PDB file of N, CA and C in Angstrom:
ATOM      1  N   UNK A   1      -4.610  31.952  -9.988  1.00  0.00           N
ATOM      2  CA  UNK A   1      -5.675  31.050 -10.393  1.00  0.00           C
ATOM      3  C   UNK A   1      -6.794  31.122  -9.359  1.00  0.00           C
ATOM      4  N   UNK A   2      -8.010  31.342  -9.794  1.00  0.00           N
ATOM      5  CA  UNK A   2      -9.130  31.431  -8.865  1.00  0.00           C
ATOM      6  C   UNK A   2      -9.570  30.041  -8.423  1.00  0.00           C
ATOM      7  N   UNK A   3     -10.061  29.995  -7.210  1.00  0.00           N
ATOM      8  CA  UNK A   3     -10.557  28.734  -6.657  1.00  0.00           C
ATOM      9  C   UNK A   3     -12.060  28.641  -6.869  1.00  0.00           C
ATOM     10  N   UNK A   4     -12.571  27.456  -6.732  1.00  0.00           N
ATOM     11  CA  UNK A   4     -13.996  27.198  -6.851  1.00  0.00           C
ATOM     12  C   UNK A   4     -14.648  27.527  -5.508  1.00  0.00           C
ATOM     13  N   UNK A   5     -15.832  28.110  -5.552  1.00  0.00           N
ATOM     14  CA  UNK A   5     -16.555  28.423  -4.324  1.00  0.00           C
ATOM     15  C   UNK A   5     -16.914  27.132  -3.592  1.00  0.00           C
ATOM     16  N   UNK A   6     -16.714  27.135  -2.296  1.00  0.00           N
ATOM     17  CA  UNK A   6     -17.035  25.976  -1.475  1.00  0.00           C
ATOM     18  C   UNK A   6     -18.523  25.642  -1.588  1.00  0.00           C
ATOM     19  N   UNK A   7     -18.853  24.355  -1.654  1.00  0.00           N
ATOM     20  CA  UNK A   7     -20.258  23.957  -1.734  1.00  0.00           C
ATOM     21  C   UNK A   7     -20.962  23.946  -0.371  1.00  0.00           C
ATOM     22  N   UNK A   8     -20.282  24.392   0.662  1.00  0.00           N
ATOM     23  CA  UNK A   8     -20.859  24.388   2.012  1.00  0.00           C
ATOM     24  C   UNK A   8     -22.161  25.193   2.041  1.00  0.00           C
ATOM     25  N   UNK A   9     -23.191  24.603   2.651  1.00  0.00           N
ATOM     26  CA  UNK A   9     -24.481  25.272   2.784  1.00  0.00           C
ATOM     27  C   UNK A   9     -24.802  25.579   4.249  1.00  0.00           C
ATOM     28  N   UNK A  10     -23.792  25.475   5.104  1.00  0.00           N
ATOM     29  CA  UNK A  10     -23.912  25.784   6.537  1.00  0.00           C
ATOM     30  C   UNK A  10     -24.938  24.910   7.253  1.00  0.00           C
ATOM     31  N   UNK A  11     -25.066  23.663   6.805  1.00  0.00           N
ATOM     32  CA  UNK A  11     -25.899  22.666   7.472  1.00  0.00           C
ATOM     33  C   UNK A  11     -25.023  21.466   7.798  1.00  0.00           C
ATOM     34  N   UNK A  12     -23.923  21.747   8.441  1.00  0.00           N
ATOM     35  CA  UNK A  12     -22.903  20.739   8.697  1.00  0.00           C
ATOM     36  C   UNK A  12     -23.362  19.700   9.716  1.00  0.00           C
ATOM     37  N   UNK A  13     -23.404  18.479   9.274  1.00  0.00           N
ATOM     38  CA  UNK A  13     -23.728  17.351  10.133  1.00  0.00           C
ATOM     39  C   UNK A  13     -23.231  16.101   9.410  1.00  0.00           C
ATOM     40  N   UNK A  14     -22.310  15.386  10.028  1.00  0.00           N
ATOM     41  CA  UNK A  14     -21.744  14.196   9.401  1.00  0.00           C
ATOM     42  C   UNK A  14     -22.564  12.957   9.748  1.00  0.00           C
ATOM     43  N   UNK A  15     -22.752  12.097   8.755  1.00  0.00           N
ATOM     44  CA  UNK A  15     -23.433  10.832   9.010  1.00  0.00           C
ATOM     45  C   UNK A  15     -22.413   9.781   9.463  1.00  0.00           C
ATOM     46  N   UNK A  16     -22.825   8.547   9.512  1.00  0.00           N
ATOM     47  CA  UNK A  16     -21.961   7.462   9.990  1.00  0.00           C
ATOM     48  C   UNK A  16     -20.742   7.221   9.096  1.00  0.00           C
ATOM     49  N   UNK A  17     -20.820   7.624   7.844  1.00  0.00           N
ATOM     50  CA  UNK A  17     -19.712   7.459   6.901  1.00  0.00           C
ATOM     51  C   UNK A  17     -18.848   8.722   6.813  1.00  0.00           C
ATOM     52  N   UNK A  18     -19.021   9.658   7.720  1.00  0.00           N
ATOM     53  CA  UNK A  18     -18.302  10.935   7.715  1.00  0.00           C
ATOM     54  C   UNK A  18     -18.566  11.738   6.442  1.00  0.00           C
ATOM     55  N   UNK A  19     -19.818  11.700   5.993  1.00  0.00           N
ATOM     56  CA  UNK A  19     -20.256  12.502   4.849  1.00  0.00           C
ATOM     57  C   UNK A  19     -21.221  13.562   5.382  1.00  0.00           C
ATOM     58  N   UNK A  20     -20.989  14.801   5.008  1.00  0.00           N
ATOM     59  CA  UNK A  20     -21.859  15.892   5.440  1.00  0.00           C
ATOM     60  C   UNK A  20     -23.212  15.774   4.746  1.00  0.00           C
ATOM     61  N   UNK A  21     -24.278  15.790   5.532  1.00  0.00           N
ATOM     62  CA  UNK A  21     -25.610  15.683   4.926  1.00  0.00           C
ATOM     63  C   UNK A  21     -26.073  17.017   4.345  1.00  0.00           C
ATOM     64  N   UNK A  22     -25.298  18.084   4.569  1.00  0.00           N
ATOM     65  CA  UNK A  22     -25.615  19.388   3.990  1.00  0.00           C
ATOM     66  C   UNK A  22     -25.042  19.567   2.599  1.00  0.00           C
ATOM     67  N   UNK A  23     -23.736  19.256   2.449  1.00  0.00           N
ATOM     68  CA  UNK A  23     -23.077  19.500   1.153  1.00  0.00           C
ATOM     69  C   UNK A  23     -22.653  18.229   0.423  1.00  0.00           C
ATOM     70  N   UNK A  24     -22.618  17.101   1.123  1.00  0.00           N
ATOM     71  CA  UNK A  24     -22.272  15.844   0.475  1.00  0.00           C
ATOM     72  C   UNK A  24     -20.792  15.513   0.442  1.00  0.00           C
ATOM     73  N   UNK A  25     -19.961  16.394   1.006  1.00  0.00           N
ATOM     74  CA  UNK A  25     -18.522  16.119   1.013  1.00  0.00           C
ATOM     75  C   UNK A  25     -18.140  15.240   2.201  1.00  0.00           C
ATOM     76  N   UNK A  26     -17.055  14.502   2.028  1.00  0.00           N
ATOM     77  CA  UNK A  26     -16.519  13.719   3.133  1.00  0.00           C
ATOM     78  C   UNK A  26     -15.749  14.641   4.071  1.00  0.00           C
ATOM     79  N   UNK A  27     -15.473  14.157   5.262  1.00  0.00           N
ATOM     80  CA  UNK A  27     -14.715  14.950   6.221  1.00  0.00           C
ATOM     81  C   UNK A  27     -13.352  15.328   5.645  1.00  0.00           C
ATOM     82  N   UNK A  28     -12.684  14.396   4.985  1.00  0.00           N
ATOM     83  CA  UNK A  28     -11.377  14.681   4.377  1.00  0.00           C
ATOM     84  C   UNK A  28     -11.486  15.750   3.287  1.00  0.00           C
ATOM     85  N   UNK A  29     -12.549  15.701   2.506  1.00  0.00           N
ATOM     86  CA  UNK A  29     -12.744  16.705   1.447  1.00  0.00           C
ATOM     87  C   UNK A  29     -13.009  18.090   2.038  1.00  0.00           C
ATOM     88  N   UNK A  30     -13.732  18.129   3.139  1.00  0.00           N
ATOM     89  CA  UNK A  30     -14.022  19.404   3.797  1.00  0.00           C
ATOM     90  C   UNK A  30     -12.749  20.016   4.358  1.00  0.00           C
ATOM     91  N   UNK A  31     -11.993  19.220   5.120  1.00  0.00           N
ATOM     92  CA  UNK A  31     -10.803  19.756   5.777  1.00  0.00           C
ATOM     93  C   UNK A  31      -9.683  20.066   4.792  1.00  0.00           C
ATOM     94  N   UNK A  32      -9.644  19.389   3.652  1.00  0.00           N
ATOM     95  CA  UNK A  32      -8.590  19.616   2.676  1.00  0.00           C
ATOM     96  C   UNK A  32      -8.966  20.541   1.536  1.00  0.00           C
ATOM     97  N   UNK A  33     -10.164  21.119   1.591  1.00  0.00           N
ATOM     98  CA  UNK A  33     -10.700  21.916   0.481  1.00  0.00           C
ATOM     99  C   UNK A  33      -9.741  22.994  -0.014  1.00  0.00           C
ATOM    100  N   UNK A  34      -9.177  23.774   0.895  1.00  0.00           N
ATOM    101  CA  UNK A  34      -8.341  24.907   0.478  1.00  0.00           C
ATOM    102  C   UNK A  34      -7.036  24.466  -0.175  1.00  0.00           C
ATOM    103  N   UNK A  35      -6.625  23.233   0.050  1.00  0.00           N
ATOM    104  CA  UNK A  35      -5.385  22.723  -0.525  1.00  0.00           C
ATOM    105  C   UNK A  35      -5.569  22.136  -1.924  1.00  0.00           C
ATOM    106  N   UNK A  36      -6.807  21.909  -2.315  1.00  0.00           N
ATOM    107  CA  UNK A  36      -7.074  21.276  -3.609  1.00  0.00           C
ATOM    108  C   UNK A  36      -6.919  22.259  -4.758  1.00  0.00           C
ATOM    109  N   UNK A  37      -6.520  21.730  -5.897  1.00  0.00           N
ATOM    110  CA  UNK A  37      -6.478  22.525  -7.118  1.00  0.00           C
ATOM    111  C   UNK A  37      -7.908  22.687  -7.640  1.00  0.00           C
ATOM    112  N   UNK A  38      -8.080  23.650  -8.521  1.00  0.00           N
ATOM    113  CA  UNK A  38      -9.410  23.962  -9.049  1.00  0.00           C
ATOM    114  C   UNK A  38     -10.093  22.724  -9.641  1.00  0.00           C
ATOM    115  N   UNK A  39      -9.387  21.958 -10.440  1.00  0.00           N
ATOM    116  CA  UNK A  39      -9.995  20.779 -11.075  1.00  0.00           C
ATOM    117  C   UNK A  39     -10.372  19.725 -10.031  1.00  0.00           C
ATOM    118  N   UNK A  40      -9.596  19.656  -8.938  1.00  0.00           N
ATOM    119  CA  UNK A  40      -9.914  18.711  -7.873  1.00  0.00           C
ATOM    120  C   UNK A  40     -11.164  19.159  -7.114  1.00  0.00           C
ATOM    121  N   UNK A  41     -11.281  20.462  -6.881  1.00  0.00           N
ATOM    122  CA  UNK A  41     -12.469  20.991  -6.223  1.00  0.00           C
ATOM    123  C   UNK A  41     -13.716  20.717  -7.066  1.00  0.00           C
ATOM    124  N   UNK A  42     -13.592  20.886  -8.365  1.00  0.00           N
ATOM    125  CA  UNK A  42     -14.726  20.620  -9.254  1.00  0.00           C
ATOM    126  C   UNK A  42     -15.116  19.138  -9.202  1.00  0.00           C
ATOM    127  N   UNK A  43     -14.124  18.271  -9.124  1.00  0.00           N
ATOM    128  CA  UNK A  43     -14.394  16.831  -9.020  1.00  0.00           C
ATOM    129  C   UNK A  43     -15.070  16.503  -7.686  1.00  0.00           C
ATOM    130  N   UNK A  44     -14.636  17.151  -6.617  1.00  0.00           N
ATOM    131  CA  UNK A  44     -15.240  16.939  -5.304  1.00  0.00           C
ATOM    132  C   UNK A  44     -16.708  17.356  -5.335  1.00  0.00           C
ATOM    133  N   UNK A  45     -16.994  18.486  -5.941  1.00  0.00           N
ATOM    134  CA  UNK A  45     -18.378  18.955  -6.028  1.00  0.00           C
ATOM    135  C   UNK A  45     -19.238  17.961  -6.792  1.00  0.00           C
ATOM    136  N   UNK A  46     -18.708  17.430  -7.875  1.00  0.00           N
ATOM    137  CA  UNK A  46     -19.455  16.448  -8.669  1.00  0.00           C
ATOM    138  C   UNK A  46     -19.755  15.200  -7.837  1.00  0.00           C
ATOM    139  N   UNK A  47     -18.749  14.697  -7.124  1.00  0.00           N
ATOM    140  CA  UNK A  47     -18.938  13.521  -6.284  1.00  0.00           C
ATOM    141  C   UNK A  47     -19.889  13.808  -5.118  1.00  0.00           C
ATOM    142  N   UNK A  48     -19.780  14.998  -4.550  1.00  0.00           N
ATOM    143  CA  UNK A  48     -20.642  15.377  -3.432  1.00  0.00           C
ATOM    144  C   UNK A  48     -22.108  15.401  -3.857  1.00  0.00           C
ATOM    145  N   UNK A  49     -22.377  15.924  -5.047  1.00  0.00           N
ATOM    146  CA  UNK A  49     -23.749  15.951  -5.551  1.00  0.00           C
ATOM    147  C   UNK A  49     -24.283  14.536  -5.731  1.00  0.00           C
ATOM    148  N   UNK A  50     -23.438  13.650  -6.222  1.00  0.00           N
ATOM    149  CA  UNK A  50     -23.833  12.257  -6.391  1.00  0.00           C
ATOM    150  C   UNK A  50     -24.134  11.616  -5.034  1.00  0.00           C
ATOM    151  N   UNK A  51     -23.274  11.870  -4.053  1.00  0.00           N
ATOM    152  CA  UNK A  51     -23.504  11.331  -2.705  1.00  0.00           C
ATOM    153  C   UNK A  51     -24.823  11.839  -2.128  1.00  0.00           C
ATOM    154  N   UNK A  52     -25.085  13.138  -2.286  1.00  0.00           N
ATOM    155  CA  UNK A  52     -26.325  13.704  -1.759  1.00  0.00           C
ATOM    156  C   UNK A  52     -27.550  13.068  -2.408  1.00  0.00           C
ATOM    157  N   UNK A  53     -27.468  12.825  -3.699  1.00  0.00           N
ATOM    158  CA  UNK A  53     -28.618  12.212  -4.369  1.00  0.00           C
ATOM    159  C   UNK A  53     -28.856  10.797  -3.843  1.00  0.00           C
ATOM    160  N   UNK A  54     -27.795  10.079  -3.533  1.00  0.00           N
ATOM    161  CA  UNK A  54     -27.923   8.737  -2.970  1.00  0.00           C
ATOM    162  C   UNK A  54     -28.467   8.795  -1.545  1.00  0.00           C
ATOM    163  N   UNK A  55     -28.046   9.799  -0.781  1.00  0.00           N
ATOM    164  CA  UNK A  55     -28.537   9.955   0.589  1.00  0.00           C
ATOM    165  C   UNK A  55     -30.034  10.248   0.598  1.00  0.00           C
ATOM    166  N   UNK A  56     -30.497  11.037  -0.360  1.00  0.00           N
ATOM    167  CA  UNK A  56     -31.920  11.393  -0.372  1.00  0.00           C
ATOM    168  C   UNK A  56     -32.805  10.186  -0.683  1.00  0.00           C
ATOM    169  N   UNK A  57     -32.262   9.195  -1.391  1.00  0.00           N
ATOM    170  CA  UNK A  57     -33.027   7.989  -1.676  1.00  0.00           C
ATOM    171  C   UNK A  57     -33.214   7.139  -0.421  1.00  0.00           C
ATOM    172  N   UNK A  58     -32.248   7.222   0.495  1.00  0.00           N
ATOM    173  CA  UNK A  58     -32.320   6.424   1.721  1.00  0.00           C
ATOM    174  C   UNK A  58     -33.242   7.023   2.769  1.00  0.00           C
ATOM    175  N   UNK A  59     -33.563   8.296   2.637  1.00  0.00           N
ATOM    176  CA  UNK A  59     -34.389   8.978   3.643  1.00  0.00           C
ATOM    177  C   UNK A  59     -35.834   8.536   3.572  1.00  0.00           C
TER     178      UNK A  59
END
């Protein structure tokens, strides 16, 4: 089974909530990425995009 490509954009920097301001994933999601199933990775990407959109409103 193929895995989903990591959403990492090589701009790693965690904010106060341990969310990467580059890709939108939490620290736990980043460190556990390779252990997730494909559907879980897809869900993480969806949530990460939502987090990033919320972060951009605060800037």
